[in-house]
Structures are given as structure tokens and as C-alpha cells.
Protein backbone atom coordinates (compact mmCIF):
# COMPACT_ATOMS: atom_id res chain seq x y z
CA UNK A 1 4.52 -23.10 -0.52
CA UNK A 2 1.26 -21.22 -0.44
CA UNK A 3 0.26 -19.86 -3.86
CA UNK A 4 -1.97 -16.78 -4.00
CA UNK A 5 -3.00 -14.30 -6.65
CA UNK A 6 -0.96 -11.11 -6.78
CA UNK A 7 -2.06 -8.51 -4.31
CA UNK A 8 -1.94 -4.96 -5.60
CA UNK A 9 -0.55 -1.95 -3.79
CA UNK A 10 -4.01 -0.33 -4.10
CA UNK A 11 -5.54 -3.28 -2.23
CA UNK A 12 -2.99 -2.89 0.50
CA UNK A 13 -3.64 0.82 0.71
CA UNK A 14 -7.36 0.21 0.91
CA UNK A 15 -6.91 -2.54 3.48
CA UNK A 16 -4.85 -0.27 5.73
CA UNK A 17 -7.46 2.56 5.45
CA UNK A 18 -10.37 0.15 6.35
CA UNK A 19 -8.39 -1.37 9.22
CA UNK A 20 -7.43 2.04 10.61
CA UNK A 21 -10.94 3.60 10.21
CA UNK A 22 -12.76 0.45 11.47
CA UNK A 23 -15.52 1.37 9.01
CA UNK A 24 -15.72 0.84 5.27
CA UNK A 25 -17.73 4.10 4.78
CA UNK A 26 -15.23 6.24 6.61
CA UNK A 27 -12.36 4.55 4.78
CA UNK A 28 -14.08 5.17 1.47
CA UNK A 29 -14.45 8.83 2.30
CA UNK A 30 -10.77 9.00 3.28
CA UNK A 31 -9.74 7.36 0.06
CA UNK A 32 -12.19 9.45 -2.03
CA UNK A 33 -14.00 6.34 -3.25
CA UNK A 34 -17.54 5.12 -2.98
CA UNK A 35 -18.23 2.40 -0.49
CA UNK A 36 -19.37 -0.46 -2.82
CA UNK A 37 -16.10 -0.67 -4.87
CA UNK A 38 -14.06 -0.53 -1.61
CA UNK A 39 -16.13 -3.34 -0.17
CA UNK A 40 -15.55 -5.37 -3.37
CA UNK A 41 -11.81 -4.73 -3.16
CA UNK A 42 -11.73 -5.99 0.41
CA UNK A 43 -13.69 -9.16 -0.48
CA UNK A 44 -11.34 -9.68 -3.42
CA UNK A 45 -8.30 -9.33 -1.24
CA UNK A 46 -9.76 -11.83 1.24
CA UNK A 47 -10.46 -14.22 -1.69
CA UNK A 48 -6.99 -13.88 -3.06
CA UNK A 49 -5.38 -14.51 0.33
CA UNK A 50 -7.82 -17.26 1.19
CA UNK A 51 -8.60 -15.87 4.65
CA UNK A 52 -11.12 -13.45 6.20
CA UNK A 53 -9.37 -10.28 7.35
CA UNK A 54 -12.37 -8.56 8.96
CA UNK A 55 -15.42 -9.36 10.96
CA UNK A 56 -18.23 -7.32 9.65
CA UNK A 57 -20.42 -5.80 12.41
CA UNK A 58 -23.43 -3.49 12.36
CA UNK A 59 -21.13 -0.62 13.28
CA UNK A 60 -18.22 -1.39 11.00
CA UNK A 61 -15.39 -3.89 10.81
CA UNK A 62 -13.05 -5.45 13.30
CA UNK A 63 -9.72 -7.04 12.34
CA UNK A 64 -9.56 -10.79 12.68
CA UNK A 65 -6.20 -12.42 13.51
CA UNK A 66 -5.13 -12.69 9.82
CA UNK A 67 -5.95 -9.04 9.34
CA UNK A 68 -4.02 -8.05 12.42
CA UNK A 69 -1.08 -9.97 11.17
CA UNK A 70 -1.28 -8.37 7.72
CA UNK A 71 -1.71 -4.80 8.91
CA UNK A 72 1.91 -4.03 10.06
CA UNK A 73 3.28 -5.84 7.01
CA UNK A 74 1.00 -3.89 4.63
CA UNK A 75 2.09 -0.59 6.31
CA UNK A 76 5.75 -1.62 5.90
CA UNK A 77 5.28 -2.55 2.24
CA UNK A 78 3.58 0.78 1.47
CA UNK A 79 6.31 2.68 3.37
CA UNK A 80 9.08 0.77 1.49
CA UNK A 81 7.45 1.48 -1.91
CA UNK A 82 7.16 5.20 -1.02
CA UNK A 83 10.76 5.30 0.14
CA UNK A 84 11.92 3.57 -3.06
CA UNK A 85 9.95 6.03 -5.23
CA UNK A 86 11.51 8.93 -3.31
CA UNK A 87 15.01 7.51 -3.71
CA UNK A 88 14.49 6.94 -7.42
CA UNK A 89 13.24 10.55 -7.83
CA UNK A 90 16.21 11.94 -5.93
CA UNK A 91 18.64 9.79 -7.96
CA UNK A 92 17.01 11.21 -11.15
CA UNK A 93 17.30 14.73 -9.92
CA UNK A 94 21.06 14.54 -9.04
CA UNK A 95 23.78 14.70 -11.66
CA UNK A 96 25.77 11.43 -11.96
CA UNK A 97 29.03 11.37 -10.04
CA UNK A 98 31.10 10.30 -13.01
CA UNK A 99 29.87 12.84 -15.58
CA UNK A 100 32.91 13.54 -17.82
CA UNK A 101 31.69 17.13 -18.50
CA UNK A 102 31.73 17.80 -14.71
CA UNK A 103 35.37 16.62 -14.40
CA UNK A 104 36.66 18.66 -17.34
CA UNK A 105 35.30 21.99 -16.00
CA UNK A 106 38.11 24.27 -14.78
CA UNK A 107 40.78 22.64 -16.92
CA UNK A 108 42.42 24.75 -19.65
């Protein structure tokens, strides 16, 4: 089993933005971050995973095979977390089905 450091949701969000933009500067602008911290986060993610995700070019970045493999999984993880948060929010906004006060209304 491969052991790696925990990857944060922020790192996955940043990775997806860099992969989609193909450029760290544009991704930083999209994320409302400055470029150096975003670059550090991408290097940290690569270090944690033990693979290079991007090829750095003079014009930006290009996904390497490990990055191309990670991208759809990162998108799915982020979508799942967002869906779970929405479901939890909805569950907290709805009255429970077995509320005894709800059952007793209308009885004299």
C-alpha cells in the first residue's frame, strides 16, 4: 500500500484550477490568490503524492500523465464534498420526520 501525506481539499481545488487554466498566474487570479503561494501549494501536492503532476513551460503548465489521472478524480471528490455539504444543509433545514410535536397537532 502506498502511503502519502494527507491531501487537502484546498490543494485539490487549486490543482483543478491550475490544470483547467494551464497557467499558474491565471489560476491564481481565478482563485483570488497570489502566484507564489499557489506555486508552493502545487509543489507541495506533488511532493506529498510523490509524482510530478505538471510540466512547467515558458507559457504555463501542461498536465503530465499522473496529473491527467488525478484531474477527474479531484473534480469528483470536490463535487462529492459539495453535494454532501448541500445534503447536510438541507437535512438541517427540514424538520425531523418523527417530531412528536408534529404528530400531536390537530388532536384534541
